[in-house]
Structure formats: C-alpha cells, structure tokens
Amino acid sequence: MPLGLTLGFFKHFVEIHGGRKAFQGLTTGAVCTKFLLPYTASTKLSLVEHVGRQPDGHLYAKPATWFVSHAWSYLYLDVVDALDDFFQENGLDDSVAVWFCTFCNNQHEIEDAIHSFEH
C-alpha cells in the first residue's frame, strides 16, 4: 500500500507555514511552489518521503487508505476543508492517511521535467 499523509499533517503543514491567513486564496499549485518545494529542498524528496524521515514522521506518513483527486487550480484550504468535512461525516479521525499527488509525487523531479520541456 502506498504511503500517504494524514489529514492531521495537511493541517500541520498550514500551521507551520503561517496559518490559514498565509494560505488564503492560494491554489494547490501555488502552495507547492511557495511552501512545499522550499520545505523539501534539503532532501529533494516528495513531501511524504521527506516527512517520513523526520523524528515524528511516523505520526503523519502512513499507508494511504484514501485517494484524493484534485486540480492544481483548486484552492488549497478548500481541499483541506472538504477533506475535514468528509472525515467528520464518515467518522474518520485526523490520523487517517490519504494519497494526494501534490504531497506524494516528487515535485522536484516533476519541476525539472517541466523545465526541460520549456527549453
């Protein structure tokens, strides 16, 4: 089963990067550029792999039991809020992990591939 990140981490990611105010109006793509890529720059890993290597990583990086499909143009906070609503409606807690491409694919490799097409 592939690794995912818990809903608790989605919320934690917001808090460690300035809280909801810092994310207001940002698309998932913008969050990737503004927060995710700098956060994982030291390892050049996917966010889930990067988090998994942290001392508390086992709390957040777990086998994914849900798959989330989204568009890069979606507002990140809307995605988090929709997941939170879904989890509450289905009796799931913040420790359940989801596979979310932005967090589970290596965005450094994807960024390099995109730039190679631009030249």
PDB file of N, CA and C in Angstrom:
ATOM      1  N   MET A   1       0.854  -1.177   0.000  1.00  0.00           N
ATOM      2  CA  MET A   1       0.000   0.000   0.000  1.00  0.00           C
ATOM      3  C   MET A   1       0.903   1.245   0.000  1.00  0.00           C
ATOM      4  N   PRO A   2       0.651   2.184  -0.908  1.00  0.00           N
ATOM      5  CA  PRO A   2       1.499   3.386  -0.954  1.00  0.00           C
ATOM      6  C   PRO A   2       1.324   4.262   0.279  1.00  0.00           C
ATOM      7  N   LEU A   3       2.371   4.989   0.597  1.00  0.00           N
ATOM      8  CA  LEU A   3       2.301   5.914   1.727  1.00  0.00           C
ATOM      9  C   LEU A   3       1.518   7.165   1.355  1.00  0.00           C
ATOM     10  N   GLY A   4       0.828   7.676   2.342  1.00  0.00           N
ATOM     11  CA  GLY A   4       0.135   8.947   2.213  1.00  0.00           C
ATOM     12  C   GLY A   4       0.426   9.774   3.450  1.00  0.00           C
ATOM     13  N   LEU A   5      -0.186  10.929   3.500  1.00  0.00           N
ATOM     14  CA  LEU A   5      -0.058  11.790   4.677  1.00  0.00           C
ATOM     15  C   LEU A   5      -1.414  11.946   5.335  1.00  0.00           C
ATOM     16  N   THR A   6      -1.400  12.056   6.637  1.00  0.00           N
ATOM     17  CA  THR A   6      -2.646  12.151   7.392  1.00  0.00           C
ATOM     18  C   THR A   6      -3.288  13.528   7.214  1.00  0.00           C
ATOM     19  N   LEU A   7      -4.585  13.559   7.448  1.00  0.00           N
ATOM     20  CA  LEU A   7      -5.276  14.845   7.437  1.00  0.00           C
ATOM     21  C   LEU A   7      -4.661  15.760   8.494  1.00  0.00           C
ATOM     22  N   GLY A   8      -4.231  15.176   9.596  1.00  0.00           N
ATOM     23  CA  GLY A   8      -3.548  15.963  10.619  1.00  0.00           C
ATOM     24  C   GLY A   8      -2.324  16.668  10.060  1.00  0.00           C
ATOM     25  N   PHE A   9      -1.610  16.009   9.131  1.00  0.00           N
ATOM     26  CA  PHE A   9      -0.451  16.670   8.539  1.00  0.00           C
ATOM     27  C   PHE A   9      -0.878  17.802   7.614  1.00  0.00           C
ATOM     28  N   PHE A  10      -1.946  17.617   6.850  1.00  0.00           N
ATOM     29  CA  PHE A  10      -2.432  18.699   5.988  1.00  0.00           C
ATOM     30  C   PHE A  10      -2.633  19.964   6.832  1.00  0.00           C
ATOM     31  N   LYS A  11      -3.220  19.798   7.998  1.00  0.00           N
ATOM     32  CA  LYS A  11      -3.466  20.930   8.899  1.00  0.00           C
ATOM     33  C   LYS A  11      -2.157  21.440   9.510  1.00  0.00           C
ATOM     34  N   HIS A  12      -1.287  20.517   9.907  1.00  0.00           N
ATOM     35  CA  HIS A  12       0.017  20.868  10.479  1.00  0.00           C
ATOM     36  C   HIS A  12       0.841  21.672   9.470  1.00  0.00           C
ATOM     37  N   PHE A  13       0.796  21.271   8.206  1.00  0.00           N
ATOM     38  CA  PHE A  13       1.527  21.960   7.143  1.00  0.00           C
ATOM     39  C   PHE A  13       1.094  23.422   7.056  1.00  0.00           C
ATOM     40  N   VAL A  14      -0.205  23.650   7.206  1.00  0.00           N
ATOM     41  CA  VAL A  14      -0.724  25.028   7.209  1.00  0.00           C
ATOM     42  C   VAL A  14      -0.161  25.790   8.407  1.00  0.00           C
ATOM     43  N   GLU A  15      -0.224  25.186   9.569  1.00  0.00           N
ATOM     44  CA  GLU A  15       0.213  25.874  10.791  1.00  0.00           C
ATOM     45  C   GLU A  15       1.702  26.215  10.781  1.00  0.00           C
ATOM     46  N   ILE A  16       2.543  25.307  10.298  1.00  0.00           N
ATOM     47  CA  ILE A  16       3.987  25.575  10.323  1.00  0.00           C
ATOM     48  C   ILE A  16       4.420  26.565   9.242  1.00  0.00           C
ATOM     49  N   HIS A  17       3.491  26.894   8.346  1.00  0.00           N
ATOM     50  CA  HIS A  17       3.807  27.861   7.290  1.00  0.00           C
ATOM     51  C   HIS A  17       2.987  29.141   7.419  1.00  0.00           C
ATOM     52  N   GLY A  18       2.606  29.497   8.620  1.00  0.00           N
ATOM     53  CA  GLY A  18       1.970  30.792   8.842  1.00  0.00           C
ATOM     54  C   GLY A  18       0.486  30.770   9.100  1.00  0.00           C
ATOM     55  N   GLY A  19      -0.121  29.596   9.144  1.00  0.00           N
ATOM     56  CA  GLY A  19      -1.547  29.503   9.441  1.00  0.00           C
ATOM     57  C   GLY A  19      -2.426  29.776   8.230  1.00  0.00           C
ATOM     58  N   ARG A  20      -3.719  29.690   8.456  1.00  0.00           N
ATOM     59  CA  ARG A  20      -4.690  29.826   7.366  1.00  0.00           C
ATOM     60  C   ARG A  20      -4.560  31.152   6.622  1.00  0.00           C
ATOM     61  N   LYS A  21      -4.203  32.201   7.329  1.00  0.00           N
ATOM     62  CA  LYS A  21      -4.078  33.507   6.673  1.00  0.00           C
ATOM     63  C   LYS A  21      -3.033  33.463   5.554  1.00  0.00           C
ATOM     64  N   ALA A  22      -1.934  32.756   5.774  1.00  0.00           N
ATOM     65  CA  ALA A  22      -0.868  32.657   4.772  1.00  0.00           C
ATOM     66  C   ALA A  22      -1.302  31.869   3.539  1.00  0.00           C
ATOM     67  N   PHE A  23      -2.336  31.032   3.683  1.00  0.00           N
ATOM     68  CA  PHE A  23      -2.798  30.181   2.589  1.00  0.00           C
ATOM     69  C   PHE A  23      -4.038  30.725   1.881  1.00  0.00           C
ATOM     70  N   GLN A  24      -4.605  31.806   2.406  1.00  0.00           N
ATOM     71  CA  GLN A  24      -5.827  32.368   1.823  1.00  0.00           C
ATOM     72  C   GLN A  24      -5.618  32.674   0.343  1.00  0.00           C
ATOM     73  N   GLY A  25      -6.523  32.155  -0.492  1.00  0.00           N
ATOM     74  CA  GLY A  25      -6.502  32.436  -1.921  1.00  0.00           C
ATOM     75  C   GLY A  25      -5.448  31.691  -2.720  1.00  0.00           C
ATOM     76  N   LEU A  26      -4.675  30.813  -2.079  1.00  0.00           N
ATOM     77  CA  LEU A  26      -3.627  30.084  -2.792  1.00  0.00           C
ATOM     78  C   LEU A  26      -4.149  28.772  -3.355  1.00  0.00           C
ATOM     79  N   THR A  27      -3.861  28.547  -4.620  1.00  0.00           N
ATOM     80  CA  THR A  27      -4.209  27.275  -5.238  1.00  0.00           C
ATOM     81  C   THR A  27      -3.244  26.198  -4.750  1.00  0.00           C
ATOM     82  N   THR A  28      -3.584  24.966  -5.036  1.00  0.00           N
ATOM     83  CA  THR A  28      -2.685  23.868  -4.696  1.00  0.00           C
ATOM     84  C   THR A  28      -1.343  24.051  -5.397  1.00  0.00           C
ATOM     85  N   GLY A  29      -1.382  24.493  -6.648  1.00  0.00           N
ATOM     86  CA  GLY A  29      -0.138  24.740  -7.380  1.00  0.00           C
ATOM     87  C   GLY A  29       0.713  25.812  -6.726  1.00  0.00           C
ATOM     88  N   ALA A  30       0.077  26.881  -6.270  1.00  0.00           N
ATOM     89  CA  ALA A  30       0.810  27.961  -5.607  1.00  0.00           C
ATOM     90  C   ALA A  30       1.391  27.488  -4.278  1.00  0.00           C
ATOM     91  N   VAL A  31       0.661  26.662  -3.554  1.00  0.00           N
ATOM     92  CA  VAL A  31       1.160  26.115  -2.285  1.00  0.00           C
ATOM     93  C   VAL A  31       2.392  25.246  -2.545  1.00  0.00           C
ATOM     94  N   CYS A  32       2.350  24.495  -3.628  1.00  0.00           N
ATOM     95  CA  CYS A  32       3.501  23.670  -3.987  1.00  0.00           C
ATOM     96  C   CYS A  32       4.735  24.544  -4.197  1.00  0.00           C
ATOM     97  N   THR A  33       4.578  25.591  -4.979  1.00  0.00           N
ATOM     98  CA  THR A  33       5.704  26.477  -5.294  1.00  0.00           C
ATOM     99  C   THR A  33       6.173  27.272  -4.081  1.00  0.00           C
ATOM    100  N   LYS A  34       5.225  27.832  -3.343  1.00  0.00           N
ATOM    101  CA  LYS A  34       5.561  28.743  -2.241  1.00  0.00           C
ATOM    102  C   LYS A  34       6.023  28.030  -0.971  1.00  0.00           C
ATOM    103  N   PHE A  35       5.439  26.872  -0.679  1.00  0.00           N
ATOM    104  CA  PHE A  35       5.725  26.207   0.595  1.00  0.00           C
ATOM    105  C   PHE A  35       6.363  24.823   0.457  1.00  0.00           C
ATOM    106  N   LEU A  36       5.803  23.970  -0.400  1.00  0.00           N
ATOM    107  CA  LEU A  36       6.266  22.585  -0.472  1.00  0.00           C
ATOM    108  C   LEU A  36       7.687  22.475  -1.020  1.00  0.00           C
ATOM    109  N   LEU A  37       7.964  23.093  -2.149  1.00  0.00           N
ATOM    110  CA  LEU A  37       9.303  22.974  -2.732  1.00  0.00           C
ATOM    111  C   LEU A  37      10.395  23.514  -1.808  1.00  0.00           C
ATOM    112  N   PRO A  38      10.222  24.681  -1.199  1.00  0.00           N
ATOM    113  CA  PRO A  38      11.253  25.127  -0.247  1.00  0.00           C
ATOM    114  C   PRO A  38      11.374  24.205   0.978  1.00  0.00           C
ATOM    115  N   TYR A  39      10.252  23.683   1.446  1.00  0.00           N
ATOM    116  CA  TYR A  39      10.243  22.827   2.636  1.00  0.00           C
ATOM    117  C   TYR A  39      11.016  21.531   2.397  1.00  0.00           C
ATOM    118  N   THR A  40      10.946  21.009   1.179  1.00  0.00           N
ATOM    119  CA  THR A  40      11.602  19.743   0.854  1.00  0.00           C
ATOM    120  C   THR A  40      12.921  19.940   0.104  1.00  0.00           C
ATOM    121  N   ALA A  41      13.375  21.176  -0.026  1.00  0.00           N
ATOM    122  CA  ALA A  41      14.586  21.472  -0.810  1.00  0.00           C
ATOM    123  C   ALA A  41      15.830  20.761  -0.278  1.00  0.00           C
ATOM    124  N   SER A  42      15.911  20.568   1.017  1.00  0.00           N
ATOM    125  CA  SER A  42      17.114  19.954   1.600  1.00  0.00           C
ATOM    126  C   SER A  42      17.265  18.486   1.219  1.00  0.00           C
ATOM    127  N   THR A  43      16.158  17.808   0.946  1.00  0.00           N
ATOM    128  CA  THR A  43      16.221  16.387   0.601  1.00  0.00           C
ATOM    129  C   THR A  43      15.875  16.118  -0.855  1.00  0.00           C
ATOM    130  N   LYS A  44      15.172  17.041  -1.491  1.00  0.00           N
ATOM    131  CA  LYS A  44      14.691  16.864  -2.874  1.00  0.00           C
ATOM    132  C   LYS A  44      13.808  15.617  -3.009  1.00  0.00           C
ATOM    133  N   LEU A  45      13.097  15.297  -1.943  1.00  0.00           N
ATOM    134  CA  LEU A  45      12.189  14.153  -1.924  1.00  0.00           C
ATOM    135  C   LEU A  45      10.753  14.631  -2.051  1.00  0.00           C
ATOM    136  N   SER A  46       9.856  13.682  -2.261  1.00  0.00           N
ATOM    137  CA  SER A  46       8.436  14.016  -2.160  1.00  0.00           C
ATOM    138  C   SER A  46       8.166  14.435  -0.722  1.00  0.00           C
ATOM    139  N   LEU A  47       7.078  15.135  -0.521  1.00  0.00           N
ATOM    140  CA  LEU A  47       6.763  15.576   0.839  1.00  0.00           C
ATOM    141  C   LEU A  47       6.546  14.381   1.758  1.00  0.00           C
ATOM    142  N   VAL A  48       5.858  13.355   1.292  1.00  0.00           N
ATOM    143  CA  VAL A  48       5.604  12.195   2.157  1.00  0.00           C
ATOM    144  C   VAL A  48       6.916  11.512   2.545  1.00  0.00           C
ATOM    145  N   GLU A  49       7.868  11.412   1.615  1.00  0.00           N
ATOM    146  CA  GLU A  49       9.164  10.813   1.942  1.00  0.00           C
ATOM    147  C   GLU A  49       9.956  11.719   2.885  1.00  0.00           C
ATOM    148  N   HIS A  50       9.905  13.006   2.638  1.00  0.00           N
ATOM    149  CA  HIS A  50      10.596  13.983   3.482  1.00  0.00           C
ATOM    150  C   HIS A  50      10.069  13.908   4.918  1.00  0.00           C
ATOM    151  N   VAL A  51       8.761  13.920   5.054  1.00  0.00           N
ATOM    152  CA  VAL A  51       8.134  13.857   6.381  1.00  0.00           C
ATOM    153  C   VAL A  51       8.460  12.532   7.056  1.00  0.00           C
ATOM    154  N   GLY A  52       8.443  11.451   6.291  1.00  0.00           N
ATOM    155  CA  GLY A  52       8.728  10.135   6.843  1.00  0.00           C
ATOM    156  C   GLY A  52      10.102  10.019   7.475  1.00  0.00           C
ATOM    157  N   ARG A  53      11.028  10.857   7.062  1.00  0.00           N
ATOM    158  CA  ARG A  53      12.389  10.840   7.609  1.00  0.00           C
ATOM    159  C   ARG A  53      12.544  11.688   8.867  1.00  0.00           C
ATOM    160  N   GLN A  54      11.519  12.429   9.230  1.00  0.00           N
ATOM    161  CA  GLN A  54      11.576  13.285  10.417  1.00  0.00           C
ATOM    162  C   GLN A  54      11.335  12.436  11.670  1.00  0.00           C
ATOM    163  N   PRO A  55      11.818  12.897  12.830  1.00  0.00           N
ATOM    164  CA  PRO A  55      11.626  12.125  14.064  1.00  0.00           C
ATOM    165  C   PRO A  55      10.162  11.778  14.355  1.00  0.00           C
ATOM    166  N   ASP A  56       9.246  12.684  14.033  1.00  0.00           N
ATOM    167  CA  ASP A  56       7.823  12.408  14.276  1.00  0.00           C
ATOM    168  C   ASP A  56       7.093  11.980  13.003  1.00  0.00           C
ATOM    169  N   GLY A  57       7.855  11.624  11.981  1.00  0.00           N
ATOM    170  CA  GLY A  57       7.270  11.286  10.686  1.00  0.00           C
ATOM    171  C   GLY A  57       6.274  10.145  10.719  1.00  0.00           C
ATOM    172  N   HIS A  58       6.491   9.178  11.605  1.00  0.00           N
ATOM    173  CA  HIS A  58       5.577   8.039  11.703  1.00  0.00           C
ATOM    174  C   HIS A  58       4.156   8.457  12.108  1.00  0.00           C
ATOM    175  N   LEU A  59       4.032   9.641  12.685  1.00  0.00           N
ATOM    176  CA  LEU A  59       2.705  10.138  13.067  1.00  0.00           C
ATOM    177  C   LEU A  59       1.916  10.611  11.853  1.00  0.00           C
ATOM    178  N   TYR A  60       2.621  10.991  10.802  1.00  0.00           N
ATOM    179  CA  TYR A  60       1.985  11.602   9.634  1.00  0.00           C
ATOM    180  C   TYR A  60       2.077  10.771   8.356  1.00  0.00           C
ATOM    181  N   ALA A  61       3.196  10.114   8.103  1.00  0.00           N
ATOM    182  CA  ALA A  61       3.387   9.312   6.893  1.00  0.00           C
ATOM    183  C   ALA A  61       2.990   7.871   7.195  1.00  0.00           C
ATOM    184  N   LYS A  62       1.883   7.445   6.593  1.00  0.00           N
ATOM    185  CA  LYS A  62       1.315   6.123   6.871  1.00  0.00           C
ATOM    186  C   LYS A  62       0.755   5.537   5.579  1.00  0.00           C
ATOM    187  N   PRO A  63       0.471   4.242   5.575  1.00  0.00           N
ATOM    188  CA  PRO A  63      -0.180   3.680   4.391  1.00  0.00           C
ATOM    189  C   PRO A  63      -1.498   4.415   4.106  1.00  0.00           C
ATOM    190  N   ALA A  64      -1.648   4.833   2.865  1.00  0.00           N
ATOM    191  CA  ALA A  64      -2.840   5.591   2.476  1.00  0.00           C
ATOM    192  C   ALA A  64      -4.036   4.661   2.324  1.00  0.00           C
ATOM    193  N   THR A  65      -5.148   5.072   2.893  1.00  0.00           N
ATOM    194  CA  THR A  65      -6.388   4.310   2.742  1.00  0.00           C
ATOM    195  C   THR A  65      -7.401   5.048   1.876  1.00  0.00           C
ATOM    196  N   TRP A  66      -7.072   6.265   1.480  1.00  0.00           N
ATOM    197  CA  TRP A  66      -7.933   7.067   0.606  1.00  0.00           C
ATOM    198  C   TRP A  66      -7.070   7.717  -0.464  1.00  0.00           C
ATOM    199  N   PHE A  67      -7.663   7.906  -1.643  1.00  0.00           N
ATOM    200  CA  PHE A  67      -7.014   8.586  -2.759  1.00  0.00           C
ATOM    201  C   PHE A  67      -7.788   9.861  -3.020  1.00  0.00           C
ATOM    202  N   VAL A  68      -7.087  10.979  -3.142  1.00  0.00           N
ATOM    203  CA  VAL A  68      -7.743  12.264  -3.382  1.00  0.00           C
ATOM    204  C   VAL A  68      -7.354  12.767  -4.765  1.00  0.00           C
ATOM    205  N   SER A  69      -8.361  13.020  -5.580  1.00  0.00           N
ATOM    206  CA  SER A  69      -8.146  13.611  -6.896  1.00  0.00           C
ATOM    207  C   SER A  69      -8.499  15.086  -6.817  1.00  0.00           C
ATOM    208  N   HIS A  70      -7.709  15.911  -7.475  1.00  0.00           N
ATOM    209  CA  HIS A  70      -7.933  17.356  -7.413  1.00  0.00           C
ATOM    210  C   HIS A  70      -7.342  18.003  -8.651  1.00  0.00           C
ATOM    211  N   ALA A  71      -7.565  19.278  -8.798  1.00  0.00           N
ATOM    212  CA  ALA A  71      -6.928  20.069  -9.854  1.00  0.00           C
ATOM    213  C   ALA A  71      -5.982  21.061  -9.190  1.00  0.00           C
ATOM    214  N   TRP A  72      -4.903  21.376  -9.874  1.00  0.00           N
ATOM    215  CA  TRP A  72      -3.926  22.323  -9.338  1.00  0.00           C
ATOM    216  C   TRP A  72      -4.543  23.692  -9.094  1.00  0.00           C
ATOM    217  N   SER A  73      -5.647  23.968  -9.775  1.00  0.00           N
ATOM    218  CA  SER A  73      -6.298  25.279  -9.635  1.00  0.00           C
ATOM    219  C   SER A  73      -7.215  25.360  -8.417  1.00  0.00           C
ATOM    220  N   TYR A  74      -7.457  24.233  -7.743  1.00  0.00           N
ATOM    221  CA  TYR A  74      -8.287  24.264  -6.536  1.00  0.00           C
ATOM    222  C   TYR A  74      -7.571  25.049  -5.438  1.00  0.00           C
ATOM    223  N   LEU A  75      -8.345  25.769  -4.663  1.00  0.00           N
ATOM    224  CA  LEU A  75      -7.771  26.453  -3.511  1.00  0.00           C
ATOM    225  C   LEU A  75      -7.395  25.414  -2.457  1.00  0.00           C
ATOM    226  N   TYR A  76      -6.173  25.501  -1.968  1.00  0.00           N
ATOM    227  CA  TYR A  76      -5.671  24.505  -1.029  1.00  0.00           C
ATOM    228  C   TYR A  76      -6.541  24.406   0.221  1.00  0.00           C
ATOM    229  N   LEU A  77      -6.932  25.533   0.789  1.00  0.00           N
ATOM    230  CA  LEU A  77      -7.754  25.484   2.004  1.00  0.00           C
ATOM    231  C   LEU A  77      -9.111  24.857   1.733  1.00  0.00           C
ATOM    232  N   ASP A  78      -9.649  25.018   0.527  1.00  0.00           N
ATOM    233  CA  ASP A  78     -10.905  24.351   0.174  1.00  0.00           C
ATOM    234  C   ASP A  78     -10.720  22.837   0.169  1.00  0.00           C
ATOM    235  N   VAL A  79      -9.575  22.374  -0.330  1.00  0.00           N
ATOM    236  CA  VAL A  79      -9.279  20.938  -0.326  1.00  0.00           C
ATOM    237  C   VAL A  79      -9.203  20.426   1.109  1.00  0.00           C
ATOM    238  N   VAL A  80      -8.470  21.129   1.958  1.00  0.00           N
ATOM    239  CA  VAL A  80      -8.328  20.712   3.361  1.00  0.00           C
ATOM    240  C   VAL A  80      -9.687  20.713   4.053  1.00  0.00           C
ATOM    241  N   ASP A  81     -10.474  21.757   3.834  1.00  0.00           N
ATOM    242  CA  ASP A  81     -11.793  21.842   4.470  1.00  0.00           C
ATOM    243  C   ASP A  81     -12.729  20.744   3.965  1.00  0.00           C
ATOM    244  N   ALA A  82     -12.670  20.438   2.667  1.00  0.00           N
ATOM    245  CA  ALA A  82     -13.508  19.366   2.112  1.00  0.00           C
ATOM    246  C   ALA A  82     -13.104  18.016   2.702  1.00  0.00           C
ATOM    247  N   LEU A  83     -11.801  17.785   2.826  1.00  0.00           N
ATOM    248  CA  LEU A  83     -11.336  16.550   3.455  1.00  0.00           C
ATOM    249  C   LEU A  83     -11.789  16.477   4.907  1.00  0.00           C
ATOM    250  N   ASP A  84     -11.678  17.569   5.617  1.00  0.00           N
ATOM    251  CA  ASP A  84     -12.100  17.614   7.016  1.00  0.00           C
ATOM    252  C   ASP A  84     -13.588  17.284   7.129  1.00  0.00           C
ATOM    253  N   ASP A  85     -14.403  17.878   6.270  1.00  0.00           N
ATOM    254  CA  ASP A  85     -15.845  17.586   6.273  1.00  0.00           C
ATOM    255  C   ASP A  85     -16.103  16.114   5.977  1.00  0.00           C
ATOM    256  N   PHE A  86     -15.427  15.575   4.956  1.00  0.00           N
ATOM    257  CA  PHE A  86     -15.597  14.170   4.588  1.00  0.00           C
ATOM    258  C   PHE A  86     -15.201  13.256   5.745  1.00  0.00           C
ATOM    259  N   PHE A  87     -14.081  13.551   6.379  1.00  0.00           N
ATOM    260  CA  PHE A  87     -13.621  12.735   7.501  1.00  0.00           C
ATOM    261  C   PHE A  87     -14.636  12.770   8.642  1.00  0.00           C
ATOM    262  N   GLN A  88     -15.130  13.947   8.974  1.00  0.00           N
ATOM    263  CA  GLN A  88     -16.107  14.066  10.060  1.00  0.00           C
ATOM    264  C   GLN A  88     -17.393  13.320   9.730  1.00  0.00           C
ATOM    265  N   GLU A  89     -17.880  13.463   8.497  1.00  0.00           N
ATOM    266  CA  GLU A  89     -19.125  12.803   8.092  1.00  0.00           C
ATOM    267  C   GLU A  89     -19.006  11.285   8.105  1.00  0.00           C
ATOM    268  N   ASN A  90     -17.787  10.772   7.936  1.00  0.00           N
ATOM    269  CA  ASN A  90     -17.577   9.331   7.853  1.00  0.00           C
ATOM    270  C   ASN A  90     -16.909   8.739   9.087  1.00  0.00           C
ATOM    271  N   GLY A  91     -16.859   9.522  10.164  1.00  0.00           N
ATOM    272  CA  GLY A  91     -16.321   9.017  11.424  1.00  0.00           C
ATOM    273  C   GLY A  91     -14.834   8.712  11.387  1.00  0.00           C
ATOM    274  N   LEU A  92     -14.102   9.411  10.534  1.00  0.00           N
ATOM    275  CA  LEU A  92     -12.656   9.216  10.431  1.00  0.00           C
ATOM    276  C   LEU A  92     -11.949  10.295  11.240  1.00  0.00           C
ATOM    277  N   ASP A  93     -10.789   9.966  11.778  1.00  0.00           N
ATOM    278  CA  ASP A  93     -10.057  10.994  12.520  1.00  0.00           C
ATOM    279  C   ASP A  93      -8.853  11.480  11.717  1.00  0.00           C
ATOM    280  N   ASP A  94      -8.162  12.463  12.258  1.00  0.00           N
ATOM    281  CA  ASP A  94      -7.052  13.112  11.558  1.00  0.00           C
ATOM    282  C   ASP A  94      -5.839  12.212  11.350  1.00  0.00           C
ATOM    283  N   SER A  95      -5.855  11.001  11.915  1.00  0.00           N
ATOM    284  CA  SER A  95      -4.716  10.097  11.760  1.00  0.00           C
ATOM    285  C   SER A  95      -4.829   9.211  10.524  1.00  0.00           C
ATOM    286  N   VAL A  96      -5.931   9.320   9.791  1.00  0.00           N
ATOM    287  CA  VAL A  96      -6.118   8.547   8.561  1.00  0.00           C
ATOM    288  C   VAL A  96      -5.325   9.222   7.443  1.00  0.00           C
ATOM    289  N   ALA A  97      -4.590   8.415   6.668  1.00  0.00           N
ATOM    290  CA  ALA A  97      -3.733   8.956   5.608  1.00  0.00           C
ATOM    291  C   ALA A  97      -4.413   8.881   4.249  1.00  0.00           C
ATOM    292  N   VAL A  98      -4.130   9.902   3.437  1.00  0.00           N
ATOM    293  CA  VAL A  98      -4.644   9.958   2.068  1.00  0.00           C
ATOM    294  C   VAL A  98      -3.469  10.101   1.100  1.00  0.00           C
ATOM    295  N   TRP A  99      -3.648   9.549  -0.088  1.00  0.00           N
ATOM    296  CA  TRP A  99      -2.677   9.739  -1.156  1.00  0.00           C
ATOM    297  C   TRP A  99      -3.136  10.962  -1.933  1.00  0.00           C
ATOM    298  N   PHE A 100      -2.304  11.987  -1.944  1.00  0.00           N
ATOM    299  CA  PHE A 100      -2.598  13.282  -2.569  1.00  0.00           C
ATOM    300  C   PHE A 100      -1.395  13.598  -3.448  1.00  0.00           C
ATOM    301  N   CYS A 101      -1.598  13.677  -4.763  1.00  0.00           N
ATOM    302  CA  CYS A 101      -0.454  13.736  -5.685  1.00  0.00           C
ATOM    303  C   CYS A 101       0.538  14.832  -5.342  1.00  0.00           C
ATOM    304  N   THR A 102       0.070  15.987  -4.939  1.00  0.00           N
ATOM    305  CA  THR A 102       0.969  17.097  -4.620  1.00  0.00           C
ATOM    306  C   THR A 102       1.949  16.709  -3.520  1.00  0.00           C
ATOM    307  N   PHE A 103       1.488  15.930  -2.572  1.00  0.00           N
ATOM    308  CA  PHE A 103       2.314  15.539  -1.438  1.00  0.00           C
ATOM    309  C   PHE A 103       3.064  14.225  -1.670  1.00  0.00           C
ATOM    310  N   CYS A 104       2.547  13.367  -2.534  1.00  0.00           N
ATOM    311  CA  CYS A 104       3.122  12.028  -2.682  1.00  0.00           C
ATOM    312  C   CYS A 104       4.024  11.868  -3.904  1.00  0.00           C
ATOM    313  N   ASN A 105       3.847  12.695  -4.921  1.00  0.00           N
ATOM    314  CA  ASN A 105       4.765  12.695  -6.059  1.00  0.00           C
ATOM    315  C   ASN A 105       5.923  13.634  -5.748  1.00  0.00           C
ATOM    316  N   ASN A 106       7.091  13.294  -6.258  1.00  0.00           N
ATOM    317  CA  ASN A 106       8.263  14.136  -6.031  1.00  0.00           C
ATOM    318  C   ASN A 106       8.157  15.371  -6.917  1.00  0.00           C
ATOM    319  N   GLN A 107       7.814  16.495  -6.327  1.00  0.00           N
ATOM    320  CA  GLN A 107       7.601  17.730  -7.078  1.00  0.00           C
ATOM    321  C   GLN A 107       8.907  18.308  -7.624  1.00  0.00           C
ATOM    322  N   HIS A 108      10.036  17.963  -7.041  1.00  0.00           N
ATOM    323  CA  HIS A 108      11.325  18.424  -7.566  1.00  0.00           C
ATOM    324  C   HIS A 108      11.601  17.759  -8.912  1.00  0.00           C
ATOM    325  N   GLU A 109      11.324  16.457  -9.013  1.00  0.00           N
ATOM    326  CA  GLU A 109      11.515  15.748 -10.278  1.00  0.00           C
ATOM    327  C   GLU A 109      10.535  16.250 -11.328  1.00  0.00           C
ATOM    328  N   ILE A 110       9.309  16.487 -10.931  1.00  0.00           N
ATOM    329  CA  ILE A 110       8.295  16.982 -11.861  1.00  0.00           C
ATOM    330  C   ILE A 110       8.676  18.372 -12.355  1.00  0.00           C
ATOM    331  N   GLU A 111       9.133  19.225 -11.448  1.00  0.00           N
ATOM    332  CA  GLU A 111       9.532  20.579 -11.826  1.00  0.00           C
ATOM    333  C   GLU A 111      10.682  20.532 -12.829  1.00  0.00           C
ATOM    334  N   ASP A 112      11.664  19.652 -12.602  1.00  0.00           N
ATOM    335  CA  ASP A 112      12.786  19.516 -13.531  1.00  0.00           C
ATOM    336  C   ASP A 112      12.310  19.043 -14.898  1.00  0.00           C
ATOM    337  N   ALA A 113      11.369  18.100 -14.923  1.00  0.00           N
ATOM    338  CA  ALA A 113      10.844  17.590 -16.193  1.00  0.00           C
ATOM    339  C   ALA A 113      10.096  18.682 -16.951  1.00  0.00           C
ATOM    340  N   ILE A 114       9.326  19.484 -16.241  1.00  0.00           N
ATOM    341  CA  ILE A 114       8.582  20.575 -16.878  1.00  0.00           C
ATOM    342  C   ILE A 114       9.552  21.586 -17.475  1.00  0.00           C
ATOM    343  N   HIS A 115      10.582  21.937 -16.730  1.00  0.00           N
ATOM    344  CA  HIS A 115      11.548  22.921 -17.229  1.00  0.00           C
ATOM    345  C   HIS A 115      12.312  22.390 -18.439  1.00  0.00           C
ATOM    346  N   SER A 116      12.540  21.083 -18.520  1.00  0.00           N
ATOM    347  CA  SER A 116      13.250  20.537 -19.676  1.00  0.00           C
ATOM    348  C   SER A 116      12.412  20.676 -20.945  1.00  0.00           C
ATOM    349  N   PHE A 117      11.086  20.669 -20.827  1.00  0.00           N
ATOM    350  CA  PHE A 117      10.212  20.876 -21.979  1.00  0.00           C
ATOM    351  C   PHE A 117      10.161  22.341 -22.397  1.00  0.00           C
ATOM    352  N   GLU A 118      10.445  23.236 -21.489  1.00  0.00           N
ATOM    353  CA  GLU A 118      10.373  24.664 -21.782  1.00  0.00           C
ATOM    354  C   GLU A 118      11.578  25.148 -22.575  1.00  0.00           C
ATOM    355  N   HIS A 119      12.657  24.380 -22.597  1.00  0.00           N
ATOM    356  CA  HIS A 119      13.892  24.835 -23.256  1.00  0.00           C
ATOM    357  C   HIS A 119      14.104  24.149 -24.568  1.00  0.00           C
TER     358      HIS A 119
END
